[in-house]
Amino acid sequence: MQSQNPLIADFVKLANSAAGTFAGMTREARESTRERVREAMGGLDFVSREEFDAVKDMAAKAREENEKLSARIAALEAKHAG
């Protein structure tokens, strides 16, 4: 049963318009926030866990090789000095 009162009908139209406007503002704010986060994160360099683990393993191997070479140089210097 619809109301015949034009004041109530106008109020319903106004409420529907306000709800639509509010929904549009919410959608626009959400998209703006997403874009700002994308811009902020775009300047940062992230690596995957697999890449991080691979580089970590390479660094450990390089460290071991460096220690071996340092010991070998020390032995050669001792041999040369003695």
N, C-alpha and C. Protein backbone atom coordinates (compact mmCIF):
# COMPACT_ATOMS: atom_id res chain seq x y z
N MET A 1 0.84 -1.17 0.00
CA MET A 1 0.00 0.00 0.00
C MET A 1 0.89 1.25 0.00
N GLN A 2 0.81 2.02 -1.07
CA GLN A 2 1.61 3.21 -1.17
C GLN A 2 0.90 4.39 -0.55
N SER A 3 1.70 5.27 -0.01
CA SER A 3 1.13 6.46 0.62
C SER A 3 0.79 7.47 -0.45
N GLN A 4 -0.28 8.15 -0.27
CA GLN A 4 -0.70 9.20 -1.20
C GLN A 4 -0.14 10.55 -0.79
N ASN A 5 0.56 10.58 0.34
CA ASN A 5 1.08 11.84 0.85
C ASN A 5 2.32 12.23 0.04
N PRO A 6 2.31 13.35 -0.67
CA PRO A 6 3.46 13.76 -1.48
C PRO A 6 4.69 14.08 -0.63
N LEU A 7 4.49 14.50 0.59
CA LEU A 7 5.61 14.80 1.48
C LEU A 7 6.39 13.52 1.79
N ILE A 8 5.68 12.46 2.08
CA ILE A 8 6.34 11.18 2.37
C ILE A 8 7.01 10.64 1.12
N ALA A 9 6.36 10.76 -0.03
CA ALA A 9 6.95 10.30 -1.29
C ALA A 9 8.23 11.06 -1.59
N ASP A 10 8.21 12.37 -1.38
CA ASP A 10 9.42 13.18 -1.59
C ASP A 10 10.53 12.78 -0.62
N PHE A 11 10.15 12.51 0.62
CA PHE A 11 11.15 12.09 1.61
C PHE A 11 11.78 10.75 1.21
N VAL A 12 10.98 9.83 0.70
CA VAL A 12 11.50 8.52 0.26
C VAL A 12 12.45 8.71 -0.91
N LYS A 13 12.07 9.56 -1.86
CA LYS A 13 12.96 9.85 -3.00
C LYS A 13 14.28 10.45 -2.52
N LEU A 14 14.19 11.38 -1.58
CA LEU A 14 15.39 12.01 -1.03
C LEU A 14 16.27 10.98 -0.32
N ALA A 15 15.67 10.09 0.45
CA ALA A 15 16.43 9.06 1.15
C ALA A 15 17.10 8.12 0.16
N ASN A 16 16.40 7.74 -0.90
CA ASN A 16 16.98 6.86 -1.92
C ASN A 16 18.14 7.55 -2.64
N SER A 17 17.98 8.81 -2.93
CA SER A 17 19.06 9.57 -3.58
C SER A 17 20.28 9.67 -2.67
N ALA A 18 20.02 9.94 -1.40
CA ALA A 18 21.12 10.06 -0.44
C ALA A 18 21.85 8.72 -0.30
N ALA A 19 21.10 7.63 -0.28
CA ALA A 19 21.73 6.31 -0.17
C ALA A 19 22.60 6.03 -1.40
N GLY A 20 22.10 6.39 -2.58
CA GLY A 20 22.89 6.20 -3.80
C GLY A 20 24.14 7.05 -3.81
N THR A 21 24.01 8.28 -3.36
CA THR A 21 25.17 9.17 -3.29
C THR A 21 26.19 8.65 -2.30
N PHE A 22 25.72 8.19 -1.16
CA PHE A 22 26.63 7.65 -0.14
C PHE A 22 27.35 6.41 -0.66
N ALA A 23 26.62 5.55 -1.37
CA ALA A 23 27.25 4.34 -1.94
C ALA A 23 28.32 4.73 -2.95
N GLY A 24 28.05 5.74 -3.77
CA GLY A 24 29.03 6.21 -4.74
C GLY A 24 30.26 6.80 -4.08
N MET A 25 30.04 7.58 -3.02
CA MET A 25 31.17 8.16 -2.29
C MET A 25 32.02 7.07 -1.65
N THR A 26 31.37 6.05 -1.10
CA THR A 26 32.10 4.94 -0.48
C THR A 26 32.95 4.22 -1.52
N ARG A 27 32.36 3.95 -2.68
CA ARG A 27 33.08 3.27 -3.76
C ARG A 27 34.27 4.11 -4.23
N GLU A 28 34.06 5.40 -4.38
CA GLU A 28 35.13 6.29 -4.81
C GLU A 28 36.25 6.36 -3.78
N ALA A 29 35.91 6.43 -2.50
CA ALA A 29 36.91 6.47 -1.44
C ALA A 29 37.72 5.17 -1.41
N ARG A 30 37.04 4.05 -1.61
CA ARG A 30 37.73 2.76 -1.61
C ARG A 30 38.73 2.67 -2.77
N GLU A 31 38.30 3.10 -3.96
CA GLU A 31 39.19 3.07 -5.12
C GLU A 31 40.37 4.03 -4.94
N SER A 32 40.11 5.19 -4.36
CA SER A 32 41.18 6.15 -4.11
C SER A 32 42.20 5.59 -3.13
N THR A 33 41.72 4.93 -2.09
CA THR A 33 42.62 4.33 -1.11
C THR A 33 43.44 3.23 -1.75
N ARG A 34 42.81 2.39 -2.55
CA ARG A 34 43.55 1.32 -3.24
C ARG A 34 44.65 1.90 -4.13
N GLU A 35 44.32 2.96 -4.85
CA GLU A 35 45.31 3.57 -5.74
C GLU A 35 46.48 4.15 -4.95
N ARG A 36 46.20 4.79 -3.83
CA ARG A 36 47.28 5.35 -3.00
C ARG A 36 48.17 4.25 -2.43
N VAL A 37 47.57 3.15 -2.01
CA VAL A 37 48.37 2.03 -1.49
C VAL A 37 49.22 1.44 -2.61
N ARG A 38 48.62 1.29 -3.79
CA ARG A 38 49.38 0.77 -4.94
C ARG A 38 50.57 1.67 -5.25
N GLU A 39 50.37 2.98 -5.23
CA GLU A 39 51.46 3.92 -5.50
C GLU A 39 52.54 3.82 -4.43
N ALA A 40 52.13 3.72 -3.17
CA ALA A 40 53.10 3.64 -2.08
C ALA A 40 53.90 2.35 -2.16
N MET A 41 53.23 1.26 -2.46
CA MET A 41 53.90 -0.03 -2.51
C MET A 41 54.70 -0.22 -3.80
N GLY A 42 54.34 0.52 -4.83
CA GLY A 42 55.02 0.39 -6.11
C GLY A 42 56.49 0.75 -6.04
N GLY A 43 56.86 1.65 -5.16
CA GLY A 43 58.25 2.07 -5.05
C GLY A 43 59.10 1.11 -4.25
N LEU A 44 58.48 0.16 -3.59
CA LEU A 44 59.22 -0.78 -2.77
C LEU A 44 59.53 -2.04 -3.58
N ASP A 45 60.69 -2.58 -3.35
CA ASP A 45 61.07 -3.81 -4.03
C ASP A 45 60.89 -4.98 -3.08
N PHE A 46 60.01 -5.88 -3.44
CA PHE A 46 59.77 -7.06 -2.64
C PHE A 46 60.29 -8.28 -3.39
N VAL A 47 60.76 -9.26 -2.65
CA VAL A 47 61.21 -10.51 -3.25
C VAL A 47 60.38 -11.64 -2.67
N SER A 48 60.29 -12.70 -3.45
CA SER A 48 59.54 -13.86 -2.97
C SER A 48 60.39 -14.61 -1.94
N ARG A 49 59.74 -15.47 -1.20
CA ARG A 49 60.44 -16.27 -0.20
C ARG A 49 61.48 -17.17 -0.86
N GLU A 50 61.14 -17.71 -2.03
CA GLU A 50 62.07 -18.59 -2.74
C GLU A 50 63.33 -17.83 -3.15
N GLU A 51 63.16 -16.60 -3.65
CA GLU A 51 64.32 -15.79 -4.03
C GLU A 51 65.17 -15.46 -2.81
N PHE A 52 64.53 -15.13 -1.70
CA PHE A 52 65.25 -14.81 -0.47
C PHE A 52 66.07 -16.01 -0.01
N ASP A 53 65.45 -17.20 0.01
CA ASP A 53 66.15 -18.41 0.45
C ASP A 53 67.31 -18.75 -0.49
N ALA A 54 67.12 -18.53 -1.79
CA ALA A 54 68.20 -18.81 -2.75
C ALA A 54 69.39 -17.89 -2.50
N VAL A 55 69.13 -16.61 -2.28
CA VAL A 55 70.23 -15.67 -2.02
C VAL A 55 70.89 -15.97 -0.68
N LYS A 56 70.10 -16.38 0.30
CA LYS A 56 70.64 -16.74 1.61
C LYS A 56 71.58 -17.93 1.48
N ASP A 57 71.19 -18.93 0.70
CA ASP A 57 72.05 -20.10 0.47
C ASP A 57 73.32 -19.70 -0.28
N MET A 58 73.19 -18.82 -1.26
CA MET A 58 74.37 -18.36 -2.00
C MET A 58 75.33 -17.63 -1.07
N ALA A 59 74.82 -16.82 -0.17
CA ALA A 59 75.66 -16.09 0.77
C ALA A 59 76.38 -17.04 1.73
N ALA A 60 75.68 -18.08 2.18
CA ALA A 60 76.31 -19.06 3.08
C ALA A 60 77.44 -19.80 2.36
N LYS A 61 77.20 -20.18 1.11
CA LYS A 61 78.24 -20.86 0.33
C LYS A 61 79.43 -19.94 0.09
N ALA A 62 79.16 -18.68 -0.21
CA ALA A 62 80.24 -17.72 -0.44
C ALA A 62 81.04 -17.51 0.84
N ARG A 63 80.37 -17.48 1.97
CA ARG A 63 81.06 -17.32 3.25
C ARG A 63 81.98 -18.52 3.52
N GLU A 64 81.48 -19.73 3.26
CA GLU A 64 82.29 -20.94 3.45
C GLU A 64 83.51 -20.92 2.53
N GLU A 65 83.29 -20.54 1.27
CA GLU A 65 84.39 -20.48 0.31
C GLU A 65 85.41 -19.42 0.73
N ASN A 66 84.95 -18.30 1.25
CA ASN A 66 85.84 -17.25 1.72
C ASN A 66 86.70 -17.75 2.89
N GLU A 67 86.08 -18.48 3.82
CA GLU A 67 86.83 -19.03 4.94
C GLU A 67 87.88 -20.03 4.47
N LYS A 68 87.53 -20.88 3.50
CA LYS A 68 88.50 -21.84 2.96
C LYS A 68 89.67 -21.13 2.29
N LEU A 69 89.35 -20.11 1.50
CA LEU A 69 90.40 -19.37 0.80
C LEU A 69 91.29 -18.59 1.78
N SER A 70 90.68 -18.05 2.83
CA SER A 70 91.47 -17.35 3.84
C SER A 70 92.43 -18.31 4.53
N ALA A 71 91.98 -19.50 4.84
CA ALA A 71 92.85 -20.51 5.47
C ALA A 71 93.96 -20.92 4.50
N ARG A 72 93.62 -21.08 3.25
CA ARG A 72 94.62 -21.48 2.24
C ARG A 72 95.68 -20.38 2.07
N ILE A 73 95.23 -19.12 2.04
CA ILE A 73 96.19 -18.01 1.92
C ILE A 73 97.10 -17.96 3.15
N ALA A 74 96.51 -18.13 4.32
CA ALA A 74 97.31 -18.11 5.54
C ALA A 74 98.35 -19.24 5.51
N ALA A 75 97.96 -20.41 5.03
CA ALA A 75 98.90 -21.54 4.95
C ALA A 75 100.01 -21.25 3.95
N LEU A 76 99.66 -20.67 2.82
CA LEU A 76 100.67 -20.34 1.81
C LEU A 76 101.62 -19.24 2.31
N GLU A 77 101.08 -18.26 3.02
CA GLU A 77 101.94 -17.21 3.56
C GLU A 77 102.87 -17.77 4.62
N ALA A 78 102.36 -18.67 5.45
CA ALA A 78 103.20 -19.29 6.49
C ALA A 78 104.30 -20.12 5.84
N LYS A 79 103.96 -20.83 4.78
CA LYS A 79 104.93 -21.66 4.07
C LYS A 79 105.99 -20.77 3.39
N HIS A 80 105.56 -19.68 2.82
CA HIS A 80 106.47 -18.78 2.13
C HIS A 80 107.37 -18.06 3.13
N ALA A 81 106.85 -17.70 4.29
CA ALA A 81 107.63 -17.00 5.30
C ALA A 81 108.61 -17.95 5.99
N GLY A 82 108.23 -19.21 6.10
CA GLY A 82 109.06 -20.14 6.86
C GLY A 82 109.96 -20.89 5.99
